[in-house]
Amino acid sequence: MTLREASIGSTVKVVRLTGTGAVKRRIMDMGITKGVEIYVRKVAPLGDPVEVTVRGYELSLRKADAELVEVE
């Protein structure tokens, strides 16, 4: 399952990042790394962006970036 598919109000754990190069580096720089827990706060009406809480701060991710984060 990807972060984009996670339901609102759920807490998920990152299994791996599927992006490559600069995209993967940008996601990791935001604090999303393997093993970190992410709380899905809200999703915009059209599904973009997804608002999450990671490492104690709020973060908004585009759908395309959220699809690159595999969670369990």
N, C-alpha and C. Protein backbone atom coordinates (compact mmCIF):
# COMPACT_ATOMS: atom_id res chain seq x y z
N MET A 1 0.85 -1.18 0.00
CA MET A 1 0.00 0.00 0.00
C MET A 1 0.89 1.24 0.00
N THR A 2 0.42 2.29 -0.64
CA THR A 2 1.19 3.54 -0.66
C THR A 2 0.57 4.54 0.29
N LEU A 3 1.30 5.60 0.58
CA LEU A 3 0.81 6.65 1.47
C LEU A 3 -0.44 7.30 0.91
N ARG A 4 -0.54 7.39 -0.38
CA ARG A 4 -1.72 7.98 -1.02
C ARG A 4 -2.98 7.16 -0.73
N GLU A 5 -2.84 5.84 -0.61
CA GLU A 5 -3.98 4.95 -0.39
C GLU A 5 -4.36 4.83 1.09
N ALA A 6 -3.53 5.35 2.00
CA ALA A 6 -3.82 5.25 3.43
C ALA A 6 -5.05 6.08 3.77
N SER A 7 -5.85 5.56 4.69
CA SER A 7 -7.10 6.25 5.04
C SER A 7 -6.84 7.39 6.04
N ILE A 8 -7.73 8.36 6.00
CA ILE A 8 -7.63 9.53 6.88
C ILE A 8 -7.76 9.08 8.33
N GLY A 9 -6.90 9.60 9.19
CA GLY A 9 -6.95 9.27 10.60
C GLY A 9 -6.13 8.05 10.98
N SER A 10 -5.48 7.42 10.01
CA SER A 10 -4.68 6.23 10.31
C SER A 10 -3.21 6.60 10.51
N THR A 11 -2.52 5.77 11.27
CA THR A 11 -1.09 5.91 11.46
C THR A 11 -0.43 4.74 10.75
N VAL A 12 0.49 5.05 9.85
CA VAL A 12 1.15 4.01 9.06
C VAL A 12 2.66 4.10 9.26
N LYS A 13 3.34 3.02 8.91
CA LYS A 13 4.79 2.95 9.05
C LYS A 13 5.41 2.80 7.67
N VAL A 14 6.46 3.57 7.40
CA VAL A 14 7.10 3.54 6.10
C VAL A 14 7.91 2.24 5.94
N VAL A 15 7.65 1.54 4.84
CA VAL A 15 8.37 0.30 4.54
C VAL A 15 9.56 0.60 3.63
N ARG A 16 9.31 1.40 2.57
CA ARG A 16 10.39 1.79 1.67
C ARG A 16 9.96 2.94 0.78
N LEU A 17 10.95 3.60 0.19
CA LEU A 17 10.72 4.69 -0.76
C LEU A 17 11.05 4.17 -2.14
N THR A 18 10.13 4.33 -3.10
CA THR A 18 10.35 3.78 -4.43
C THR A 18 10.90 4.79 -5.42
N GLY A 19 10.99 6.05 -5.05
CA GLY A 19 11.51 7.07 -5.95
C GLY A 19 13.01 6.91 -6.16
N THR A 20 13.53 7.64 -7.12
CA THR A 20 14.97 7.61 -7.38
C THR A 20 15.51 9.02 -7.49
N GLY A 21 16.81 9.14 -7.30
CA GLY A 21 17.50 10.41 -7.52
C GLY A 21 17.03 11.55 -6.64
N ALA A 22 16.82 12.70 -7.26
CA ALA A 22 16.48 13.93 -6.55
C ALA A 22 15.12 13.84 -5.87
N VAL A 23 14.18 13.12 -6.46
CA VAL A 23 12.86 12.99 -5.86
C VAL A 23 12.94 12.23 -4.54
N LYS A 24 13.67 11.13 -4.53
CA LYS A 24 13.85 10.35 -3.31
C LYS A 24 14.59 11.17 -2.25
N ARG A 25 15.60 11.89 -2.64
CA ARG A 25 16.37 12.72 -1.71
C ARG A 25 15.48 13.79 -1.09
N ARG A 26 14.59 14.42 -1.88
CA ARG A 26 13.70 15.46 -1.37
C ARG A 26 12.73 14.88 -0.34
N ILE A 27 12.20 13.71 -0.61
CA ILE A 27 11.28 13.06 0.34
C ILE A 27 12.01 12.73 1.64
N MET A 28 13.24 12.22 1.53
CA MET A 28 14.03 11.89 2.72
C MET A 28 14.38 13.16 3.50
N ASP A 29 14.65 14.26 2.81
CA ASP A 29 14.97 15.52 3.48
C ASP A 29 13.78 16.06 4.28
N MET A 30 12.56 15.66 3.89
CA MET A 30 11.37 16.08 4.61
C MET A 30 11.15 15.24 5.87
N GLY A 31 11.99 14.24 6.09
CA GLY A 31 11.88 13.42 7.30
C GLY A 31 11.19 12.09 7.09
N ILE A 32 10.83 11.78 5.85
CA ILE A 32 10.17 10.51 5.57
C ILE A 32 11.23 9.49 5.19
N THR A 33 11.55 8.62 6.15
CA THR A 33 12.56 7.59 5.94
C THR A 33 11.98 6.25 6.38
N LYS A 34 12.67 5.18 6.06
CA LYS A 34 12.22 3.83 6.40
C LYS A 34 12.04 3.69 7.91
N GLY A 35 10.89 3.16 8.31
CA GLY A 35 10.62 2.90 9.72
C GLY A 35 9.90 4.01 10.46
N VAL A 36 9.81 5.19 9.88
CA VAL A 36 9.15 6.31 10.57
C VAL A 36 7.62 6.16 10.48
N GLU A 37 6.93 6.59 11.55
CA GLU A 37 5.48 6.53 11.56
C GLU A 37 4.90 7.84 11.05
N ILE A 38 3.85 7.72 10.25
CA ILE A 38 3.19 8.88 9.64
C ILE A 38 1.70 8.83 9.97
N TYR A 39 1.17 9.94 10.46
CA TYR A 39 -0.26 10.05 10.75
C TYR A 39 -0.90 10.83 9.61
N VAL A 40 -1.92 10.25 8.96
CA VAL A 40 -2.60 10.90 7.84
C VAL A 40 -3.69 11.80 8.41
N ARG A 41 -3.47 13.12 8.33
CA ARG A 41 -4.40 14.09 8.92
C ARG A 41 -5.60 14.37 8.01
N LYS A 42 -5.35 14.79 6.79
CA LYS A 42 -6.44 15.13 5.88
C LYS A 42 -6.00 14.91 4.44
N VAL A 43 -7.01 14.86 3.58
CA VAL A 43 -6.77 14.80 2.14
C VAL A 43 -7.67 15.86 1.52
N ALA A 44 -7.13 16.65 0.62
CA ALA A 44 -7.90 17.71 -0.04
C ALA A 44 -9.06 17.08 -0.83
N PRO A 45 -10.11 17.83 -1.10
CA PRO A 45 -11.29 17.29 -1.80
C PRO A 45 -10.98 16.57 -3.11
N LEU A 46 -10.02 17.05 -3.86
CA LEU A 46 -9.68 16.37 -5.12
C LEU A 46 -8.52 15.40 -4.94
N GLY A 47 -8.10 15.17 -3.71
CA GLY A 47 -7.05 14.19 -3.42
C GLY A 47 -5.64 14.72 -3.46
N ASP A 48 -5.48 16.00 -3.74
CA ASP A 48 -4.13 16.56 -3.83
C ASP A 48 -4.12 17.93 -3.18
N PRO A 49 -3.38 18.19 -2.14
CA PRO A 49 -2.35 17.37 -1.51
C PRO A 49 -2.89 16.53 -0.34
N VAL A 50 -2.00 15.71 0.20
CA VAL A 50 -2.28 14.90 1.38
C VAL A 50 -1.54 15.55 2.54
N GLU A 51 -2.24 15.81 3.63
CA GLU A 51 -1.59 16.43 4.79
C GLU A 51 -1.31 15.35 5.83
N VAL A 52 -0.05 15.26 6.25
CA VAL A 52 0.36 14.24 7.21
C VAL A 52 1.15 14.88 8.35
N THR A 53 1.27 14.14 9.45
CA THR A 53 2.13 14.54 10.55
C THR A 53 3.26 13.52 10.62
N VAL A 54 4.49 14.01 10.51
CA VAL A 54 5.66 13.14 10.54
C VAL A 54 6.72 13.79 11.43
N ARG A 55 7.26 13.01 12.35
CA ARG A 55 8.30 13.49 13.27
C ARG A 55 7.91 14.77 14.01
N GLY A 56 6.61 14.90 14.33
CA GLY A 56 6.15 16.03 15.13
C GLY A 56 5.81 17.29 14.37
N TYR A 57 5.85 17.28 13.05
CA TYR A 57 5.45 18.47 12.30
C TYR A 57 4.52 18.10 11.16
N GLU A 58 3.75 19.07 10.69
CA GLU A 58 2.79 18.85 9.63
C GLU A 58 3.44 19.06 8.27
N LEU A 59 3.07 18.22 7.34
CA LEU A 59 3.67 18.24 6.02
C LEU A 59 2.59 17.98 4.99
N SER A 60 2.62 18.70 3.88
CA SER A 60 1.70 18.46 2.77
C SER A 60 2.49 17.86 1.62
N LEU A 61 1.97 16.77 1.08
CA LEU A 61 2.63 16.07 -0.03
C LEU A 61 1.71 16.01 -1.23
N ARG A 62 2.28 16.15 -2.41
CA ARG A 62 1.51 15.95 -3.63
C ARG A 62 1.18 14.47 -3.78
N LYS A 63 0.13 14.17 -4.54
CA LYS A 63 -0.25 12.78 -4.77
C LYS A 63 0.90 12.00 -5.39
N ALA A 64 1.59 12.60 -6.33
CA ALA A 64 2.69 11.91 -7.02
C ALA A 64 3.79 11.53 -6.04
N ASP A 65 4.09 12.39 -5.06
CA ASP A 65 5.11 12.08 -4.07
C ASP A 65 4.60 11.04 -3.07
N ALA A 66 3.33 11.12 -2.69
CA ALA A 66 2.76 10.17 -1.74
C ALA A 66 2.72 8.75 -2.31
N GLU A 67 2.62 8.64 -3.64
CA GLU A 67 2.62 7.31 -4.28
C GLU A 67 3.99 6.65 -4.21
N LEU A 68 5.04 7.40 -3.98
CA LEU A 68 6.39 6.85 -3.93
C LEU A 68 6.76 6.30 -2.56
N VAL A 69 5.87 6.49 -1.57
CA VAL A 69 6.14 6.03 -0.20
C VAL A 69 5.28 4.79 0.08
N GLU A 70 5.93 3.63 0.21
CA GLU A 70 5.21 2.40 0.54
C GLU A 70 5.10 2.28 2.04
N VAL A 71 3.88 1.99 2.53
CA VAL A 71 3.63 1.91 3.96
C VAL A 71 2.92 0.61 4.31
N GLU A 72 2.88 0.32 5.61
CA GLU A 72 2.13 -0.85 6.08
C GLU A 72 1.18 -0.44 7.19
